[in-house]
Amino acid sequence: MPNRRPGRRLAPSLLSADFADLASAIRAAEAGGAGAFHLDVMDGHFVPNISFGPALVQAVRRRTQLPLDVHLMISDPARYAPAFRAAGGDTLVFHLEATRDPTATIDAVRATGAAVGAAIRPDTPYSALEPLVPYLDQVLVMSVHPGFSGQKFLPEALPKLRAARRQLDEIGSPADVSIDGGVTVETASEAAAAGATFFVCGNSTFVGGEVGANLRRLRDAVEEGAARAVR
């Protein structure tokens, strides 16, 4: 099958933005070239922290036309998928570890009209996700343990990115390979070289308030890594 690999996109994680002025953070990221926004949904059960619900997703939706990538770090994701789709989520990403029937969860997300992604934690082998990959729009490899921002990138994510990239290219799938956690200029380059196409960038986007400059540096790093991958 022909290679239909998607373009590379930066997705600022709004969990790292100033909650008191999200509208300004969104405008700055759009001006800086963001390709999507990433929203971390945490329920205090699947992960220990609590974060965004559908109301926040809806508020972000009113302020941007960019795709909203909703990361459901929650138990029973199929139950809540309709609410997050109705709030404006374009892609709903569930955790393989959060459901006993991932195929049914994929079907439930598809039924809402959203694109569907599946994520794996650092301690989950890629082989657990491999049978589902042909049915996904996004494969999310976590490079930190889910539930906390500001963690350091775990390099064991890189072989999983390579495995996902290889499998998607073999089947001709246009699905994104997404990396989430500790994405900096240095690690974005390594992830791009390993085949990532969708880069969730939190602190590295909003640190110092220099959103445009931060995104330009990240973009340059991604392009440099991608160039190394094709040589």
Protein backbone atom coordinates (compact mmCIF):
# COMPACT_ATOMS: atom_id res chain seq x y z
CA MET A 1 0.00 0.00 0.00
CA PRO A 2 1.23 3.56 -0.62
CA ASN A 3 2.73 5.49 2.28
CA ARG A 4 0.19 8.06 3.46
CA ARG A 5 2.13 9.29 6.46
CA PRO A 6 0.56 12.42 8.03
CA GLY A 7 2.35 15.73 8.41
CA ARG A 8 4.09 16.53 11.68
CA ARG A 9 2.15 18.64 14.19
CA LEU A 10 2.83 20.24 17.55
CA ALA A 11 -0.02 19.98 20.06
CA PRO A 12 0.44 22.26 23.08
CA SER A 13 -0.94 20.68 26.25
CA LEU A 14 -3.23 23.15 27.97
CA LEU A 15 -2.61 21.47 31.32
CA SER A 16 0.65 23.48 31.36
CA ALA A 17 -0.95 26.81 30.44
CA ASP A 18 -2.13 29.54 32.81
CA PHE A 19 -5.68 28.47 33.65
CA ALA A 20 -6.56 32.04 34.58
CA ASP A 21 -5.85 33.20 31.02
CA LEU A 22 -6.40 30.22 28.74
CA ALA A 23 -7.73 32.40 25.94
CA SER A 24 -4.41 34.24 25.69
CA ALA A 25 -2.49 30.96 25.81
CA ILE A 26 -4.61 29.58 22.98
CA ARG A 27 -4.10 32.70 20.84
CA ALA A 28 -0.35 32.68 21.41
CA ALA A 29 -0.06 29.00 20.50
CA GLU A 30 -2.13 29.47 17.36
CA ALA A 31 0.08 32.38 16.31
CA GLY A 32 3.16 30.26 17.02
CA GLY A 33 2.07 27.51 14.65
CA ALA A 34 0.36 24.94 16.85
CA GLY A 35 -1.36 22.23 14.85
CA ALA A 36 -3.80 21.11 17.55
CA PHE A 37 -4.45 21.42 21.27
CA HIS A 38 -4.08 18.55 23.71
CA LEU A 39 -6.40 18.32 26.71
CA ASP A 40 -5.61 15.93 29.54
CA VAL A 41 -8.70 14.49 31.21
CA MET A 42 -7.92 12.86 34.58
CA ASP A 43 -10.47 11.30 36.90
CA GLY A 44 -8.65 10.67 40.17
CA HIS A 45 -9.16 6.93 39.62
CA PHE A 46 -7.24 5.68 36.60
CA VAL A 47 -4.64 8.32 37.52
CA PRO A 48 -4.37 10.01 40.92
CA ASN A 49 -5.02 13.58 39.80
CA ILE A 50 -8.20 15.30 38.61
CA SER A 51 -8.23 17.79 35.75
CA PHE A 52 -10.48 18.82 32.87
CA GLY A 53 -14.08 17.82 32.22
CA PRO A 54 -16.38 18.39 29.24
CA ALA A 55 -17.11 22.00 30.28
CA LEU A 56 -13.47 22.99 29.89
CA VAL A 57 -13.24 21.24 26.53
CA GLN A 58 -16.32 23.14 25.43
CA ALA A 59 -14.80 26.45 26.56
CA VAL A 60 -11.63 25.75 24.57
CA ARG A 61 -13.70 24.75 21.55
CA ARG A 62 -15.35 28.17 21.56
CA ARG A 63 -11.94 29.85 21.35
CA THR A 64 -10.20 27.90 18.60
CA GLN A 65 -10.85 26.13 15.33
CA LEU A 66 -7.78 23.91 15.70
CA PRO A 67 -8.38 20.21 16.34
CA LEU A 68 -8.84 19.23 19.98
CA ASP A 69 -7.00 16.08 21.00
CA VAL A 70 -8.70 14.82 24.17
CA HIS A 71 -6.61 12.38 26.22
CA LEU A 72 -8.96 10.33 28.37
CA MET A 73 -6.86 9.21 31.33
CA ILE A 74 -10.00 7.84 32.91
CA SER A 75 -11.69 4.58 33.79
CA ASP A 76 -14.55 3.43 31.54
CA PRO A 77 -13.69 5.79 28.66
CA ALA A 78 -16.51 4.47 26.44
CA ARG A 79 -19.07 5.77 28.93
CA TYR A 80 -17.78 9.33 28.73
CA ALA A 81 -16.84 9.49 25.05
CA PRO A 82 -20.18 10.99 23.91
CA ALA A 83 -19.90 13.87 26.39
CA PHE A 84 -16.38 14.79 25.30
CA ARG A 85 -17.31 14.54 21.63
CA ALA A 86 -20.35 16.75 22.21
CA ALA A 87 -18.10 19.26 23.99
CA GLY A 88 -15.95 19.58 20.87
CA GLY A 89 -13.29 16.88 21.02
CA ASP A 90 -12.07 15.90 17.56
CA THR A 91 -9.90 12.96 18.60
CA LEU A 92 -10.62 10.94 21.74
CA VAL A 93 -7.67 8.92 23.01
CA PHE A 94 -8.31 6.20 25.58
CA HIS A 95 -5.82 4.12 27.54
CA LEU A 96 -5.48 0.47 26.69
CA GLU A 97 -5.03 -0.20 30.41
CA ALA A 98 -8.35 1.47 31.29
CA THR A 99 -10.67 -0.91 29.46
CA ARG A 100 -11.32 -4.64 29.42
CA ASP A 101 -12.65 -4.52 25.86
CA PRO A 102 -10.58 -2.11 23.76
CA THR A 103 -12.34 -3.12 20.54
CA ALA A 104 -15.70 -2.13 22.01
CA THR A 105 -14.17 1.13 23.20
CA ILE A 106 -12.91 1.88 19.70
CA ASP A 107 -16.40 1.22 18.37
CA ALA A 108 -17.96 3.46 21.04
CA VAL A 109 -15.67 6.35 20.17
CA ARG A 110 -16.25 5.87 16.45
CA ALA A 111 -20.01 5.95 17.08
CA THR A 112 -19.68 9.51 18.40
CA GLY A 113 -18.13 10.67 15.13
CA ALA A 114 -14.74 11.39 16.70
CA ALA A 115 -11.41 10.05 15.53
CA VAL A 116 -10.04 7.42 17.91
CA GLY A 117 -6.66 6.94 19.48
CA ALA A 118 -5.25 4.47 21.96
CA ALA A 119 -2.47 5.14 24.44
CA ILE A 120 -0.07 2.91 26.34
CA ARG A 121 1.80 3.70 29.55
CA PRO A 122 5.58 3.30 29.81
CA ASP A 123 5.22 -0.09 31.49
CA THR A 124 2.92 -1.51 28.79
CA PRO A 125 4.66 -3.29 25.91
CA TYR A 126 3.90 -2.23 22.37
CA SER A 127 2.81 -5.80 21.59
CA ALA A 128 -0.32 -5.25 23.72
CA LEU A 129 -1.43 -2.48 21.37
CA GLU A 130 -0.30 -4.00 18.08
CA PRO A 131 -3.53 -5.88 17.19
CA LEU A 132 -5.58 -2.68 17.50
CA VAL A 133 -3.34 -0.41 15.44
CA PRO A 134 -5.09 -0.99 12.08
CA TYR A 135 -8.30 0.40 13.59
CA LEU A 136 -6.84 3.59 15.07
CA ASP A 137 -6.37 7.16 13.93
CA GLN A 138 -3.69 7.78 16.52
CA VAL A 139 -1.20 5.62 18.40
CA LEU A 140 -0.09 7.41 21.57
CA VAL A 141 3.11 6.34 23.26
CA MET A 142 3.48 7.77 26.75
CA SER A 143 7.04 8.80 27.56
CA VAL A 144 6.15 9.61 31.18
CA HIS A 145 3.80 7.97 33.65
CA PRO A 146 0.32 9.45 33.11
CA GLY A 147 -1.22 11.78 35.65
CA PHE A 148 1.50 14.33 36.40
CA SER A 149 3.02 17.15 34.34
CA GLY A 150 6.68 18.11 34.37
CA GLN A 151 8.19 14.61 34.31
CA LYS A 152 11.35 13.70 32.42
CA PHE A 153 11.19 11.86 29.11
CA LEU A 154 11.68 8.08 29.41
CA PRO A 155 13.87 6.90 26.52
CA GLU A 156 12.26 3.46 26.49
CA ALA A 157 9.45 5.14 24.55
CA LEU A 158 11.65 5.38 21.46
CA PRO A 159 11.58 1.69 20.48
CA LYS A 160 7.79 1.77 20.78
CA LEU A 161 7.64 4.76 18.44
CA ARG A 162 9.77 2.89 15.93
CA ALA A 163 7.54 -0.16 16.20
CA ALA A 164 4.40 1.92 15.66
CA ARG A 165 5.95 3.75 12.72
CA ARG A 166 7.04 0.49 11.11
CA GLN A 167 3.64 -1.14 11.54
CA LEU A 168 1.68 1.84 10.23
CA ASP A 169 3.95 2.17 7.20
CA GLU A 170 3.61 -1.55 6.46
CA ILE A 171 -0.19 -1.37 6.40
CA GLY A 172 -0.33 2.03 4.71
CA SER A 173 -2.23 3.64 7.57
CA PRO A 174 -2.43 7.45 7.81
CA ALA A 175 -2.68 7.29 11.61
CA ASP A 176 -0.53 9.58 13.71
CA VAL A 177 2.22 8.32 15.97
CA SER A 178 1.94 10.54 19.02
CA ILE A 179 4.45 11.14 21.81
CA ASP A 180 3.38 12.61 25.14
CA GLY A 181 5.54 13.43 28.14
CA GLY A 182 8.75 15.36 28.66
CA VAL A 183 8.82 16.61 25.08
CA THR A 184 11.58 19.22 24.83
CA VAL A 185 13.76 20.46 21.99
CA GLU A 186 16.13 17.54 22.58
CA THR A 187 13.55 14.80 23.01
CA ALA A 188 11.30 16.08 20.21
CA SER A 189 14.19 15.58 17.81
CA GLU A 190 14.74 12.02 19.01
CA ALA A 191 11.02 11.23 18.83
CA ALA A 192 10.79 12.61 15.29
CA ALA A 193 13.78 10.51 14.25
CA ALA A 194 11.95 7.47 15.68
CA GLY A 195 8.88 8.21 13.56
CA ALA A 196 6.57 10.36 15.69
CA THR A 197 4.26 12.74 13.81
CA PHE A 198 2.22 14.29 16.65
CA PHE A 199 4.07 15.95 19.54
CA VAL A 200 2.31 16.82 22.79
CA CYS A 201 4.34 19.66 24.29
CA GLY A 202 3.36 21.13 27.64
CA ASN A 203 5.94 22.94 29.73
CA SER A 204 8.21 23.34 26.70
CA THR A 205 5.48 25.42 25.01
CA PHE A 206 4.49 27.71 27.84
CA VAL A 207 7.68 28.13 29.89
CA GLY A 208 8.70 31.76 30.25
CA GLY A 209 5.65 32.98 28.38
CA GLU A 210 7.58 32.93 25.08
CA VAL A 211 5.09 30.67 23.35
CA GLY A 212 5.89 31.62 19.77
CA ALA A 213 9.64 31.30 20.22
CA ASN A 214 9.25 28.03 22.12
CA LEU A 215 7.13 26.51 19.37
CA ARG A 216 9.58 27.62 16.69
CA ARG A 217 12.41 25.90 18.54
CA LEU A 218 10.34 22.75 18.91
CA ARG A 219 9.37 22.83 15.23
CA ASP A 220 13.02 23.18 14.18
CA ALA A 221 13.94 20.24 16.41
CA VAL A 222 11.18 18.07 14.98
CA GLU A 223 12.21 18.85 11.41
CA GLU A 224 15.85 18.13 12.21
CA GLY A 225 14.94 14.77 13.73
CA ALA A 226 12.67 13.86 10.85
CA ALA A 227 15.44 14.65 8.38
CA ARG A 228 17.74 12.24 10.23
CA ALA A 229 15.07 9.57 10.07
CA VAL A 230 14.91 9.56 6.27
CA ARG A 231 18.70 9.45 5.67
